[in-house]
Amino acid sequence: MSYCINPLCAQRQNPDDVETCLYCGTSLLINDRIRLIKPLRLLTDNPYEP
């Protein structure tokens, strides 16, 4: 499973065999070699809130 790097994408999960997000079209590769396999953090988490 690959995850879309676009934080605004409505469907971030994608199959491993695609290079662009099936929903929004964003490239799933960072610098043409790194693939996000899980979210780094929840988008609802706000690191600036106490």
N, C-alpha and C. Protein backbone atom coordinates (compact mmCIF):
# COMPACT_ATOMS: atom_id res chain seq x y z
N MET A 1 0.84 -1.17 0.00
CA MET A 1 0.00 0.00 0.00
C MET A 1 0.89 1.24 0.00
N SER A 2 0.60 2.18 -0.88
CA SER A 2 1.29 3.46 -0.92
C SER A 2 0.31 4.56 -0.54
N TYR A 3 0.83 5.59 0.07
CA TYR A 3 -0.01 6.71 0.48
C TYR A 3 0.33 7.94 -0.33
N CYS A 4 -0.69 8.66 -0.72
CA CYS A 4 -0.52 9.91 -1.46
C CYS A 4 0.10 10.95 -0.53
N ILE A 5 1.04 11.72 -1.06
CA ILE A 5 1.70 12.74 -0.24
C ILE A 5 0.91 14.04 -0.20
N ASN A 6 -0.15 14.14 -0.97
CA ASN A 6 -0.99 15.34 -0.99
C ASN A 6 -1.91 15.32 0.23
N PRO A 7 -1.73 16.25 1.18
CA PRO A 7 -2.56 16.23 2.40
C PRO A 7 -4.03 16.53 2.14
N LEU A 8 -4.36 17.09 0.98
CA LEU A 8 -5.75 17.41 0.65
C LEU A 8 -6.44 16.31 -0.15
N CYS A 9 -5.73 15.24 -0.45
CA CYS A 9 -6.30 14.13 -1.23
C CYS A 9 -7.37 13.42 -0.39
N ALA A 10 -8.51 13.16 -1.00
CA ALA A 10 -9.62 12.53 -0.28
C ALA A 10 -9.44 11.02 -0.14
N GLN A 11 -8.65 10.41 -1.02
CA GLN A 11 -8.42 8.96 -0.98
C GLN A 11 -6.92 8.72 -1.06
N ARG A 12 -6.24 8.73 0.08
CA ARG A 12 -4.78 8.69 0.09
C ARG A 12 -4.18 7.31 -0.12
N GLN A 13 -4.95 6.24 0.11
CA GLN A 13 -4.41 4.89 -0.07
C GLN A 13 -4.45 4.49 -1.54
N ASN A 14 -3.33 3.94 -2.02
CA ASN A 14 -3.20 3.51 -3.41
C ASN A 14 -2.49 2.16 -3.45
N PRO A 15 -2.70 1.39 -4.52
CA PRO A 15 -1.97 0.12 -4.66
C PRO A 15 -0.47 0.39 -4.86
N ASP A 16 0.34 -0.61 -4.56
CA ASP A 16 1.80 -0.48 -4.68
C ASP A 16 2.29 -0.33 -6.12
N ASP A 17 1.52 -0.78 -7.08
CA ASP A 17 2.00 -0.83 -8.46
C ASP A 17 1.71 0.43 -9.28
N VAL A 18 1.23 1.50 -8.66
CA VAL A 18 0.97 2.74 -9.40
C VAL A 18 1.97 3.81 -8.96
N GLU A 19 2.30 4.74 -9.87
CA GLU A 19 3.25 5.80 -9.55
C GLU A 19 2.59 7.14 -9.30
N THR A 20 1.30 7.27 -9.67
CA THR A 20 0.56 8.48 -9.37
C THR A 20 -0.72 8.11 -8.64
N CYS A 21 -1.19 9.00 -7.81
CA CYS A 21 -2.41 8.76 -7.04
C CYS A 21 -3.59 8.56 -7.99
N LEU A 22 -4.35 7.51 -7.76
CA LEU A 22 -5.49 7.22 -8.62
C LEU A 22 -6.61 8.24 -8.43
N TYR A 23 -6.63 8.95 -7.31
CA TYR A 23 -7.71 9.90 -7.04
C TYR A 23 -7.36 11.32 -7.49
N CYS A 24 -6.18 11.82 -7.07
CA CYS A 24 -5.86 13.23 -7.36
C CYS A 24 -4.76 13.41 -8.41
N GLY A 25 -4.04 12.35 -8.76
CA GLY A 25 -3.01 12.44 -9.80
C GLY A 25 -1.64 12.88 -9.32
N THR A 26 -1.46 13.10 -8.03
CA THR A 26 -0.17 13.49 -7.48
C THR A 26 0.81 12.31 -7.56
N SER A 27 2.06 12.61 -7.88
CA SER A 27 3.08 11.56 -7.91
C SER A 27 3.23 10.94 -6.53
N LEU A 28 3.34 9.62 -6.48
CA LEU A 28 3.53 8.92 -5.21
C LEU A 28 5.00 8.78 -4.85
N LEU A 29 5.89 9.21 -5.74
CA LEU A 29 7.32 9.13 -5.49
C LEU A 29 7.87 10.50 -5.12
N ILE A 30 8.66 10.54 -4.07
CA ILE A 30 9.33 11.77 -3.65
C ILE A 30 10.75 11.71 -4.20
N ASN A 31 11.15 12.72 -4.95
CA ASN A 31 12.47 12.74 -5.61
C ASN A 31 12.69 11.51 -6.48
N ASP A 32 11.63 11.02 -7.08
CA ASP A 32 11.67 9.86 -7.99
C ASP A 32 12.22 8.59 -7.36
N ARG A 33 12.22 8.49 -6.02
CA ARG A 33 12.74 7.26 -5.43
C ARG A 33 12.14 6.89 -4.08
N ILE A 34 11.53 7.82 -3.37
CA ILE A 34 11.00 7.54 -2.03
C ILE A 34 9.48 7.45 -2.10
N ARG A 35 8.93 6.38 -1.52
CA ARG A 35 7.49 6.15 -1.53
C ARG A 35 6.99 6.13 -0.10
N LEU A 36 5.92 6.88 0.17
CA LEU A 36 5.32 6.92 1.50
C LEU A 36 4.47 5.66 1.68
N ILE A 37 4.81 4.84 2.68
CA ILE A 37 4.08 3.58 2.88
C ILE A 37 3.07 3.66 4.02
N LYS A 38 3.17 4.73 4.82
CA LYS A 38 2.16 4.98 5.85
C LYS A 38 2.21 6.46 6.18
N PRO A 39 1.12 7.00 6.71
CA PRO A 39 1.12 8.42 7.05
C PRO A 39 2.17 8.72 8.13
N LEU A 40 2.80 9.88 8.03
CA LEU A 40 3.78 10.28 9.04
C LEU A 40 3.09 10.69 10.33
N ARG A 41 1.92 11.28 10.21
CA ARG A 41 1.09 11.64 11.36
C ARG A 41 -0.33 11.83 10.86
N LEU A 42 -1.28 11.82 11.77
CA LEU A 42 -2.66 12.07 11.39
C LEU A 42 -2.81 13.53 10.99
N LEU A 43 -3.59 13.79 9.96
CA LEU A 43 -3.78 15.17 9.52
C LEU A 43 -4.58 15.98 10.52
N THR A 44 -5.28 15.31 11.42
CA THR A 44 -6.04 16.02 12.45
C THR A 44 -5.16 16.46 13.60
N ASP A 45 -3.94 15.90 13.70
CA ASP A 45 -3.00 16.30 14.75
C ASP A 45 -2.45 17.69 14.43
N ASN A 46 -2.49 18.58 15.39
CA ASN A 46 -1.93 19.91 15.22
C ASN A 46 -0.77 20.06 16.20
N PRO A 47 0.46 20.07 15.70
CA PRO A 47 1.61 20.15 16.61
C PRO A 47 1.72 21.49 17.33
N TYR A 48 0.95 22.49 16.91
CA TYR A 48 1.04 23.82 17.51
C TYR A 48 0.03 24.04 18.62
N GLU A 49 -0.86 23.06 18.85
CA GLU A 49 -1.81 23.17 19.95
C GLU A 49 -1.18 22.61 21.23
N PRO A 50 -1.42 23.26 22.36
CA PRO A 50 -0.84 22.75 23.63
C PRO A 50 -1.50 21.47 24.09
